[in-house]
Amino acid sequence: MSELHIVRVVPKLKLKIRINAKKKEENSEESKKEANITLDINHLCEKSISDSLQKESITNNISESGSDEDIIYSKHYVSFAMLFPFDYGLSSVTEKNYLLGTNILVKNYHNIQTYEIDITPEFKYKKFIRSKVLEDFNYKNKDISIIKSINKYKNYHNYIVVLKNRSVRHKQFPNQISSVDDNYKWRQIYDTYTPSTMTPEIKDFTAKDGYNFLSNKSELNIKFTDKSGKNHIDLKDIYKSIVLVM
């Protein structure tokens, strides 16, 4: 009694056939059938591999061709980070480490102000944001330096609202370090700027040069979002917008 085991493994397919046959002469009719079976199996395996690769190629093409720009969202949101940058003075010494700070109004450490909006051809983002800053956060027009777009992330339209450093209305919100209330607080973020190593080609450096460098190479991995966690704003993107308005 002889056994013929034919095993061929293909991606996502395990094919195992066992045939028991009595010993025949080499040119017997049964031997020819077994040979034919082997050929048929090889043909099926090659076809399975080909079909599998073809399906994988189609799937990859669909994944690579799709993008967020192709998605039509039923809802849209506007998010804005209310902030003011500050520093402790920069001298002409290039070897010093200078602290560049940014106060950002957040809730629960990384949530910024977000509102659902109805997009129409007449909708004015900056006008809407200004009204919310005045109505919901009790600021005055004179407290706002500028409103600047950061980016668009999926169905979130992201902005910064740069406030004047010395506004008395900053005091209506506590510092995050000194308060545990579940409300908006000032989160102070400090970054380091060393002109001699970061921007050695700039002799008369300013805070703007520091933010410009940090907008690409800051070591702080800080991100902001909305209360649902679906939005995404990187601190570096905020720095880039700050540079444009300094």
Protein backbone atom coordinates (compact mmCIF):
# COMPACT_ATOMS: atom_id res chain seq x y z
CA MET A 1 0.00 0.00 0.00
CA SER A 2 1.45 3.40 -0.97
CA GLU A 3 0.32 6.89 -0.03
CA LEU A 4 0.63 10.01 -2.05
CA HIS A 5 0.58 13.27 -0.11
CA ILE A 6 0.25 16.48 -2.07
CA VAL A 7 0.47 19.64 0.02
CA ARG A 8 0.49 23.14 -1.43
CA VAL A 9 0.12 26.27 0.71
CA VAL A 10 -0.94 29.59 -0.77
CA PRO A 11 -1.81 32.89 0.93
CA LYS A 12 -4.95 32.54 3.03
CA LEU A 13 -5.50 29.05 1.47
CA LYS A 14 -4.43 25.66 2.77
CA LEU A 15 -4.95 22.85 0.30
CA LYS A 16 -4.30 19.34 1.48
CA ILE A 17 -5.21 16.24 -0.58
CA ARG A 18 -4.52 12.67 0.38
CA ILE A 19 -4.91 9.87 -2.15
CA ASN A 20 -4.64 6.16 -1.33
CA ALA A 21 -3.98 3.94 -4.33
CA LYS A 22 -2.77 0.43 -4.94
CA LYS A 23 0.58 0.07 -6.58
CA LYS A 24 0.18 0.02 -10.33
CA GLU A 25 2.42 -0.31 -13.23
CA GLU A 26 4.12 2.92 -14.32
CA ASN A 27 2.14 3.09 -17.54
CA SER A 28 -1.14 1.95 -16.03
CA GLU A 29 -4.32 3.92 -16.52
CA GLU A 30 -4.54 4.69 -12.76
CA SER A 31 -1.04 6.23 -12.74
CA LYS A 32 -2.02 8.51 -15.59
CA LYS A 33 -5.06 9.69 -13.63
CA GLU A 34 -2.88 10.48 -10.60
CA ALA A 35 -0.52 12.46 -12.80
CA ASN A 36 -3.45 14.36 -14.25
CA ILE A 37 -4.72 15.15 -10.76
CA THR A 38 -1.33 16.62 -9.83
CA LEU A 39 -1.35 18.84 -12.90
CA ASP A 40 -4.88 20.01 -12.16
CA ILE A 41 -3.92 20.89 -8.58
CA ASN A 42 -0.93 22.90 -9.77
CA HIS A 43 -3.17 24.77 -12.15
CA LEU A 44 -5.69 25.53 -9.41
CA CYS A 45 -2.98 26.71 -7.03
CA GLU A 46 -1.49 29.07 -9.59
CA LYS A 47 -4.96 30.42 -10.35
CA SER A 48 -5.66 30.93 -6.62
CA ILE A 49 -2.39 32.83 -6.19
CA SER A 50 -3.16 34.97 -9.22
CA ASP A 51 -6.68 35.75 -7.99
CA SER A 52 -5.38 36.55 -4.51
CA LEU A 53 -2.76 38.95 -5.82
CA GLN A 54 -5.27 40.60 -8.12
CA LYS A 55 -7.72 41.19 -5.23
CA GLU A 56 -4.90 42.53 -3.05
CA SER A 57 -3.82 44.90 -5.81
CA ILE A 58 -7.36 46.22 -6.22
CA THR A 59 -7.73 46.73 -2.46
CA ASN A 60 -4.42 48.58 -2.27
CA ASN A 61 -5.33 50.81 -5.18
CA ILE A 62 -8.62 51.75 -3.52
CA SER A 63 -6.86 52.51 -0.21
CA GLU A 64 -4.16 54.59 -1.84
CA SER A 65 -6.53 56.57 -4.04
CA GLY A 66 -8.91 57.48 -1.20
CA SER A 67 -8.34 60.62 0.91
CA ASP A 68 -10.10 62.82 3.43
CA GLU A 69 -10.74 65.33 0.67
CA ASP A 70 -13.03 62.82 -1.04
CA ILE A 71 -15.25 62.39 2.02
CA ILE A 72 -18.44 64.42 2.21
CA TYR A 73 -19.25 65.21 5.85
CA SER A 74 -22.78 65.89 7.04
CA LYS A 75 -21.52 68.02 9.93
CA HIS A 76 -18.80 70.65 10.18
CA TYR A 77 -17.09 72.25 13.16
CA VAL A 78 -14.97 75.28 13.86
CA SER A 79 -12.31 75.00 16.59
CA PHE A 80 -10.14 77.80 17.87
CA ALA A 81 -7.34 78.06 20.40
CA MET A 82 -7.42 81.27 22.41
CA LEU A 83 -3.85 82.14 23.34
CA PHE A 84 -1.16 84.74 23.85
CA PRO A 85 2.59 84.18 23.47
CA PHE A 86 5.08 85.68 25.90
CA ASP A 87 8.78 85.67 26.71
CA TYR A 88 11.06 86.98 29.46
CA GLY A 89 13.13 89.17 27.20
CA LEU A 90 15.76 88.29 24.62
CA SER A 91 19.20 89.88 24.73
CA SER A 92 21.92 89.86 22.08
CA VAL A 93 23.71 86.87 23.62
CA THR A 94 23.34 83.97 21.20
CA GLU A 95 24.59 81.25 23.59
CA LYS A 96 21.81 81.73 26.13
CA ASN A 97 18.77 79.49 26.46
CA TYR A 98 15.65 81.64 26.17
CA LEU A 99 12.21 80.55 27.32
CA LEU A 100 9.38 81.15 24.88
CA GLY A 101 5.98 80.70 26.49
CA THR A 102 2.47 80.28 25.15
CA ASN A 103 -0.66 80.55 27.28
CA ILE A 104 -3.49 78.51 25.74
CA LEU A 105 -7.04 78.40 27.12
CA VAL A 106 -8.01 74.73 27.44
CA LYS A 107 -10.41 72.45 29.22
CA ASN A 108 -9.33 69.05 30.54
CA TYR A 109 -5.73 69.74 29.63
CA HIS A 110 -6.04 69.59 25.81
CA ASN A 111 -9.60 70.45 24.73
CA ILE A 112 -10.08 73.74 22.89
CA GLN A 113 -13.25 75.64 21.98
CA THR A 114 -15.34 73.87 19.32
CA TYR A 115 -18.72 74.68 17.77
CA GLU A 116 -20.86 72.91 15.21
CA ILE A 117 -21.55 75.18 12.25
CA ASP A 118 -23.76 75.32 9.17
CA ILE A 119 -21.59 75.99 6.15
CA THR A 120 -23.14 78.32 3.60
CA PRO A 121 -21.55 80.53 0.93
CA GLU A 122 -22.17 83.50 3.24
CA PHE A 123 -20.61 81.94 6.34
CA LYS A 124 -17.72 84.01 7.76
CA TYR A 125 -15.44 81.95 10.00
CA LYS A 126 -13.56 84.82 11.62
CA LYS A 127 -16.72 86.80 12.26
CA PHE A 128 -18.32 83.75 13.90
CA ILE A 129 -15.23 83.10 16.05
CA ARG A 130 -15.02 86.74 17.14
CA SER A 131 -18.66 86.69 18.25
CA LYS A 132 -18.06 83.55 20.35
CA VAL A 133 -14.98 85.03 22.01
CA LEU A 134 -17.00 88.12 22.97
CA GLU A 135 -20.22 86.37 23.99
CA ASP A 136 -19.03 83.12 25.58
CA PHE A 137 -15.69 84.21 27.03
CA ASN A 138 -16.47 87.82 27.99
CA TYR A 139 -13.65 89.44 26.04
CA LYS A 140 -13.79 92.78 24.24
CA ASN A 141 -12.89 93.57 20.66
CA LYS A 142 -9.88 95.52 21.89
CA ASP A 143 -8.52 92.34 23.55
CA ILE A 144 -8.22 90.49 20.24
CA SER A 145 -5.02 91.04 18.26
CA ILE A 146 -5.81 88.78 15.32
CA ILE A 147 -7.67 85.63 14.26
CA LYS A 148 -5.69 83.31 12.01
CA SER A 149 -6.42 79.99 10.31
CA ILE A 150 -4.32 76.99 11.35
CA ASN A 151 -5.56 74.28 9.02
CA LYS A 152 -8.53 72.09 8.11
CA TYR A 153 -8.52 68.61 9.63
CA LYS A 154 -11.28 66.39 8.24
CA ASN A 155 -14.49 68.32 9.02
CA TYR A 156 -12.80 70.61 11.57
CA HIS A 157 -11.83 74.16 10.58
CA ASN A 158 -9.08 75.17 13.00
CA TYR A 159 -8.04 78.70 14.01
CA ILE A 160 -6.07 80.58 16.63
CA VAL A 161 -7.27 83.71 18.41
CA VAL A 162 -4.24 85.74 19.49
CA LEU A 163 -5.13 87.88 22.49
CA LYS A 164 -3.22 90.87 23.81
CA ASN A 165 -0.84 89.90 26.60
CA ARG A 166 -1.94 92.49 29.14
CA SER A 167 -5.72 92.14 28.94
CA VAL A 168 -7.31 92.34 32.40
CA ARG A 169 -9.89 89.79 31.28
CA HIS A 170 -7.30 87.01 31.31
CA LYS A 171 -7.82 86.88 35.07
CA GLN A 172 -11.35 85.50 34.74
CA PHE A 173 -9.76 82.11 33.98
CA PRO A 174 -7.44 80.43 36.51
CA ASN A 175 -4.03 78.98 35.84
CA GLN A 176 -4.13 75.24 35.24
CA ILE A 177 -1.52 74.58 37.94
CA SER A 178 -3.50 76.31 40.67
CA SER A 179 -7.01 75.03 39.87
CA VAL A 180 -8.76 71.67 39.74
CA ASP A 181 -12.12 73.05 38.55
CA ASP A 182 -13.71 71.43 35.51
CA ASN A 183 -13.65 74.62 33.51
CA TYR A 184 -11.45 76.52 31.07
CA LYS A 185 -7.96 77.27 32.39
CA TRP A 186 -4.73 78.75 31.13
CA ARG A 187 -2.22 76.10 30.20
CA GLN A 188 1.29 77.49 30.12
CA ILE A 189 3.62 75.84 27.61
CA TYR A 190 7.34 76.60 27.69
CA ASP A 191 9.78 75.91 24.89
CA THR A 192 13.53 76.61 24.73
CA TYR A 193 15.25 78.69 22.07
CA THR A 194 19.06 78.77 21.80
CA PRO A 195 20.03 81.08 18.90
CA SER A 196 23.68 79.95 18.65
CA THR A 197 22.72 76.34 17.84
CA MET A 198 19.20 76.70 16.43
CA THR A 199 19.54 79.76 14.19
CA PRO A 200 23.30 80.54 14.04
CA GLU A 201 22.90 82.39 10.73
CA ILE A 202 20.64 85.03 12.34
CA LYS A 203 22.54 87.70 14.26
CA ASP A 204 19.70 90.03 15.28
CA PHE A 205 17.30 87.33 16.40
CA THR A 206 13.82 87.86 17.83
CA ALA A 207 11.12 85.72 19.43
CA LYS A 208 9.65 85.29 15.95
CA ASP A 209 12.84 83.52 14.83
CA GLY A 210 12.54 81.23 17.83
CA TYR A 211 8.93 80.31 17.10
CA ASN A 212 9.80 79.83 13.44
CA PHE A 213 12.49 77.29 14.36
CA LEU A 214 10.29 75.53 16.92
CA SER A 215 7.39 75.30 14.45
CA ASN A 216 9.38 72.58 12.71
CA LYS A 217 11.73 71.20 15.35
CA SER A 218 10.14 71.61 18.76
CA GLU A 219 10.71 68.56 20.95
CA LEU A 220 7.36 69.04 22.69
CA ASN A 221 4.84 66.41 21.59
CA ILE A 222 1.67 68.32 22.48
CA LYS A 223 -1.64 68.00 20.67
CA PHE A 224 -5.07 69.58 21.11
CA THR A 225 -8.53 68.32 20.22
CA ASP A 226 -12.24 68.76 20.97
CA LYS A 227 -14.21 66.97 23.69
CA SER A 228 -14.98 64.07 21.33
CA GLY A 229 -11.28 63.54 20.61
CA LYS A 230 -11.83 63.57 16.84
CA ASN A 231 -10.02 66.79 16.03
CA HIS A 232 -6.23 67.03 15.85
CA ILE A 233 -4.08 70.16 16.23
CA ASP A 234 -0.34 69.89 16.76
CA LEU A 235 1.52 72.49 18.81
CA LYS A 236 3.90 72.97 15.88
CA ASP A 237 0.95 74.02 13.69
CA ILE A 238 -0.02 76.61 16.30
CA TYR A 239 3.57 77.91 16.27
CA LYS A 240 3.43 78.23 12.48
CA SER A 241 0.33 80.40 12.72
CA ILE A 242 1.86 82.50 15.51
CA VAL A 243 4.87 83.22 13.29
CA LEU A 244 2.58 84.56 10.55
CA VAL A 245 1.02 87.14 12.85
CA MET A 246 4.12 88.29 14.81
